[in-house]
Amino acid sequence: MKPLFKIAVLLLLSLTCSAQEVVDRMIAVVNKHVITQSDWDQQERFEALVDGKKFDAQQHSDAVLERLIDRVLISESIARIQVAHATPEQVKMQIAEMRKQFPAAQGQSDDAWRKTLSEYGFSEEDLAQIVAEQLDVLRFVDIRFRPSVQVAPEEIEKYYRETFVPELKKSGSEIAIPPLKEVEARIHALLTEQKVNGMLNSWVQSLRTQSNIQRISTTPIEAGQKSVVPR
């Protein structure tokens, strides 16, 4: 899975709830958007799915909650502009890439894949909607940030000399160190992604400073205890 898509996935999981829904607890409010424990739980399950990790139990990680807050801020910003939405074909292709992360018994057959999704608490329709939104985020990032990224030849040479070659030697690989020309395009792509990611992160931090973020409760409620949060 491409690093930028993964970042986008971790930042913007779909938030869709009914006008009044039984949820576990109100965790935070971002501007006027309520984040519930159900949202928090869903984010953790989806991140495990994206990473191809087995999901055993909710951890309620603070880091996941912060990414959840970031995703709400990004969602609000994208909603204010016009972005061409991902096509069903693009969504299917991205999901196909996700399935490759899993062993054959979990991802190759459609029945096995549906069972895997069920274990993470998702239906195929849920996943398609989430992936479509992530692709929309990627398109937004490409439009807003990528055109302004420039990678100078000296940056590529420096990375090759100070990072690429030393890491290859450190790995103990017997493969001969390739000349710069053979890996130049790959290094250029890597540095481009790093710069885009840096710009995206800086932008999100700017959104945070301009927003009203209230953390109401970060203590997960026990199973079976419910409250109703109107939307």
Protein backbone atom coordinates (compact mmCIF):
# COMPACT_ATOMS: atom_id res chain seq x y z
CA MET A 1 0.00 0.00 0.00
CA LYS A 2 1.41 3.42 -0.93
CA PRO A 3 2.59 5.48 2.11
CA LEU A 4 0.51 8.51 1.21
CA PHE A 5 -2.64 6.42 0.78
CA LYS A 6 -1.96 4.85 4.16
CA ILE A 7 -1.62 8.28 5.80
CA ALA A 8 -4.81 9.35 4.16
CA VAL A 9 -6.50 6.21 5.38
CA LEU A 10 -5.34 6.83 8.96
CA LEU A 11 -6.50 10.43 8.83
CA LEU A 12 -9.93 10.14 7.18
CA LEU A 13 -12.14 7.18 7.97
CA SER A 14 -15.80 7.78 7.13
CA LEU A 15 -18.02 9.26 9.86
CA THR A 16 -21.63 8.36 9.11
CA CYS A 17 -24.28 8.23 11.83
CA SER A 18 -28.03 8.66 11.95
CA ALA A 19 -29.74 11.75 13.34
CA GLN A 20 -29.99 10.02 16.72
CA GLU A 21 -28.07 6.85 17.33
CA VAL A 22 -27.33 4.71 20.34
CA VAL A 23 -23.60 5.10 20.95
CA ASP A 24 -21.18 4.31 23.76
CA ARG A 25 -20.05 7.74 24.84
CA MET A 26 -19.27 11.21 23.58
CA ILE A 27 -15.48 11.39 23.44
CA ALA A 28 -14.75 14.74 21.82
CA VAL A 29 -16.24 17.59 19.83
CA VAL A 30 -14.34 19.02 16.85
CA ASN A 31 -15.92 22.33 15.94
CA LYS A 32 -19.53 21.10 15.87
CA HIS A 33 -18.80 17.48 15.01
CA VAL A 34 -19.29 14.92 17.78
CA ILE A 35 -16.81 12.04 18.05
CA THR A 36 -18.17 9.03 19.91
CA GLN A 37 -16.56 5.93 21.31
CA SER A 38 -18.16 4.03 18.43
CA ASP A 39 -16.17 6.23 16.02
CA TRP A 40 -13.01 5.61 18.04
CA ASP A 41 -13.61 1.85 18.03
CA GLN A 42 -14.24 1.87 14.29
CA GLN A 43 -11.05 3.80 13.60
CA GLU A 44 -8.96 1.26 15.50
CA ARG A 45 -10.57 -1.67 13.70
CA PHE A 46 -10.02 -0.05 10.31
CA GLU A 47 -6.39 0.79 11.01
CA ALA A 48 -5.78 -2.84 11.94
CA LEU A 49 -7.42 -3.91 8.68
CA VAL A 50 -5.33 -1.48 6.62
CA ASP A 51 -2.13 -2.72 8.26
CA GLY A 52 -3.12 -6.34 7.75
CA LYS A 53 -2.88 -6.94 11.50
CA LYS A 54 -5.04 -9.34 13.46
CA PHE A 55 -7.62 -7.49 15.53
CA ASP A 56 -8.10 -8.92 19.00
CA ALA A 57 -9.59 -6.17 21.17
CA GLN A 58 -10.07 -2.42 21.30
CA GLN A 59 -7.02 -0.64 22.68
CA HIS A 60 -8.48 2.89 22.70
CA SER A 61 -5.12 4.41 21.86
CA ASP A 62 -4.71 8.15 22.35
CA ALA A 63 -2.74 8.28 19.10
CA VAL A 64 -5.70 6.79 17.23
CA LEU A 65 -8.01 9.36 18.80
CA GLU A 66 -5.75 12.20 17.64
CA ARG A 67 -5.79 10.80 14.10
CA LEU A 68 -9.56 10.62 14.37
CA ILE A 69 -9.64 14.32 15.24
CA ASP A 70 -7.37 15.11 12.30
CA ARG A 71 -9.60 13.16 9.97
CA VAL A 72 -12.64 15.19 11.00
CA LEU A 73 -10.75 18.43 10.32
CA ILE A 74 -9.70 17.22 6.86
CA SER A 75 -13.23 16.03 6.08
CA GLU A 76 -14.62 19.46 6.93
CA SER A 77 -12.09 21.18 4.67
CA ILE A 78 -12.66 18.88 1.71
CA ALA A 79 -16.44 19.34 2.03
CA ARG A 80 -15.96 23.06 1.29
CA ILE A 81 -14.30 22.52 -2.09
CA GLN A 82 -15.10 20.61 -5.27
CA VAL A 83 -13.10 17.41 -5.68
CA ALA A 84 -13.78 14.83 -8.38
CA HIS A 85 -14.96 11.69 -6.62
CA ALA A 86 -13.38 8.28 -7.06
CA THR A 87 -15.05 5.99 -9.58
CA PRO A 88 -16.33 2.51 -8.61
CA GLU A 89 -13.54 1.02 -10.73
CA GLN A 90 -10.88 2.95 -8.82
CA VAL A 91 -12.39 1.82 -5.53
CA LYS A 92 -12.36 -1.81 -6.64
CA MET A 93 -8.71 -1.55 -7.67
CA GLN A 94 -7.69 -0.11 -4.33
CA ILE A 95 -9.59 -2.77 -2.40
CA ALA A 96 -7.89 -5.42 -4.55
CA GLU A 97 -4.54 -4.02 -3.40
CA MET A 98 -5.66 -4.22 0.22
CA ARG A 99 -6.67 -7.85 -0.18
CA LYS A 100 -3.15 -8.75 -1.32
CA GLN A 101 -1.88 -8.02 2.19
CA PHE A 102 -3.77 -10.97 3.60
CA PRO A 103 -2.94 -14.68 3.31
CA ALA A 104 -4.81 -16.59 0.61
CA ALA A 105 -7.18 -18.09 3.17
CA GLN A 106 -8.29 -14.60 4.24
CA GLY A 107 -8.33 -12.51 1.11
CA GLN A 108 -8.25 -14.35 -2.20
CA SER A 109 -11.75 -15.79 -2.46
CA ASP A 110 -14.74 -13.49 -2.10
CA ASP A 111 -16.21 -15.60 0.69
CA ALA A 112 -12.93 -15.54 2.62
CA TRP A 113 -12.68 -11.78 2.15
CA ARG A 114 -16.21 -11.18 3.41
CA LYS A 115 -15.43 -13.32 6.45
CA THR A 116 -12.26 -11.32 7.09
CA LEU A 117 -14.15 -8.03 6.87
CA SER A 118 -16.76 -9.38 9.25
CA GLU A 119 -14.05 -10.20 11.77
CA TYR A 120 -13.02 -6.54 11.70
CA GLY A 121 -16.64 -5.39 11.92
CA PHE A 122 -17.09 -4.19 8.32
CA SER A 123 -19.30 -5.09 5.38
CA GLU A 124 -18.16 -4.80 1.77
CA GLU A 125 -20.36 -1.73 1.39
CA ASP A 126 -18.76 -0.11 4.46
CA LEU A 127 -15.30 -0.70 3.07
CA ALA A 128 -16.17 0.61 -0.40
CA GLN A 129 -17.48 3.86 1.07
CA ILE A 130 -14.41 4.33 3.25
CA VAL A 131 -11.96 3.62 0.43
CA ALA A 132 -13.83 6.00 -1.89
CA GLU A 133 -13.40 8.76 0.67
CA GLN A 134 -9.68 7.99 1.04
CA LEU A 135 -9.20 8.24 -2.71
CA ASP A 136 -10.97 11.60 -2.64
CA VAL A 137 -8.48 12.72 0.01
CA LEU A 138 -5.57 11.64 -2.18
CA ARG A 139 -6.98 13.64 -5.06
CA PHE A 140 -7.32 16.66 -2.79
CA VAL A 141 -3.71 16.29 -1.62
CA ASP A 142 -2.50 15.98 -5.22
CA ILE A 143 -4.32 19.16 -6.17
CA ARG A 144 -3.35 21.22 -3.15
CA PHE A 145 0.21 20.16 -2.34
CA ARG A 146 1.94 18.08 -5.00
CA PRO A 147 2.23 20.83 -7.69
CA SER A 148 4.38 22.96 -5.37
CA VAL A 149 6.82 20.18 -4.48
CA GLN A 150 10.26 20.37 -6.04
CA VAL A 151 13.18 18.00 -5.51
CA ALA A 152 16.57 19.37 -6.47
CA PRO A 153 19.31 17.13 -7.94
CA GLU A 154 21.54 17.89 -4.96
CA GLU A 155 18.85 16.60 -2.61
CA ILE A 156 18.77 13.31 -4.48
CA GLU A 157 22.56 13.06 -4.39
CA LYS A 158 22.62 13.83 -0.67
CA TYR A 159 20.01 11.18 0.10
CA TYR A 160 21.87 8.64 -1.99
CA ARG A 161 25.18 9.43 -0.28
CA GLU A 162 24.00 9.90 3.32
CA THR A 163 21.00 7.55 3.56
CA PHE A 164 20.63 5.08 0.71
CA VAL A 165 24.20 3.79 0.54
CA PRO A 166 24.78 3.64 4.34
CA GLU A 167 21.48 1.79 4.91
CA LEU A 168 22.29 -0.72 2.19
CA LYS A 169 25.70 -1.36 3.74
CA LYS A 170 24.20 -1.62 7.22
CA SER A 171 21.73 -4.25 6.06
CA GLY A 172 24.62 -6.55 5.28
CA SER A 173 23.19 -7.25 1.85
CA GLU A 174 25.54 -8.88 -0.62
CA ILE A 175 23.84 -7.03 -3.45
CA ALA A 176 26.20 -4.60 -5.14
CA ILE A 177 25.43 -0.95 -4.44
CA PRO A 178 23.71 0.39 -7.58
CA PRO A 179 24.97 3.64 -9.11
CA LEU A 180 22.96 6.79 -8.49
CA LYS A 181 21.50 6.82 -12.00
CA GLU A 182 19.82 3.46 -11.45
CA VAL A 183 17.98 4.57 -8.30
CA GLU A 184 17.58 8.28 -9.02
CA ALA A 185 13.91 8.02 -10.04
CA ARG A 186 13.07 5.96 -6.97
CA ILE A 187 14.78 8.41 -4.64
CA HIS A 188 13.05 11.32 -6.37
CA ALA A 189 9.66 9.67 -5.79
CA LEU A 190 10.52 8.96 -2.15
CA LEU A 191 11.62 12.53 -1.44
CA THR A 192 8.53 13.86 -3.19
CA GLU A 193 6.27 11.77 -0.95
CA GLN A 194 8.17 12.91 2.13
CA LYS A 195 7.67 16.55 1.19
CA VAL A 196 4.00 16.08 0.37
CA ASN A 197 3.46 14.31 3.68
CA GLY A 198 5.29 17.08 5.51
CA MET A 199 3.13 19.75 3.89
CA LEU A 200 -0.02 17.76 4.68
CA ASN A 201 0.96 17.38 8.33
CA SER A 202 1.79 21.08 8.65
CA TRP A 203 -1.56 21.97 7.11
CA VAL A 204 -3.41 19.70 9.52
CA GLN A 205 -1.59 21.29 12.46
CA SER A 206 -2.71 24.68 11.13
CA LEU A 207 -6.28 23.43 11.00
CA ARG A 208 -5.98 22.39 14.64
CA THR A 209 -4.91 25.87 15.75
CA GLN A 210 -7.92 27.39 13.95
CA SER A 211 -10.46 24.91 15.31
CA ASN A 212 -12.38 24.36 18.52
CA ILE A 213 -11.37 20.92 19.80
CA GLN A 214 -12.84 19.68 23.06
CA ARG A 215 -11.89 16.32 24.55
CA ILE A 216 -14.83 15.41 26.76
CA SER A 217 -13.92 11.90 27.89
CA THR A 218 -11.14 9.58 26.83
CA THR A 219 -12.08 6.82 29.28
CA PRO A 220 -13.79 4.01 27.33
CA ILE A 221 -17.17 2.93 28.66
CA GLU A 222 -17.73 -0.70 29.61
CA ALA A 223 -19.65 -2.92 27.21
CA GLY A 224 -23.38 -2.85 27.81
CA GLN A 225 -23.47 0.72 29.12
CA LYS A 226 -25.11 3.00 26.55
CA SER A 227 -26.12 6.59 26.15
CA VAL A 228 -27.93 8.40 23.35
CA VAL A 229 -26.14 11.25 21.62
CA PRO A 230 -28.37 13.39 19.37
CA ARG A 231 -26.83 14.71 16.16
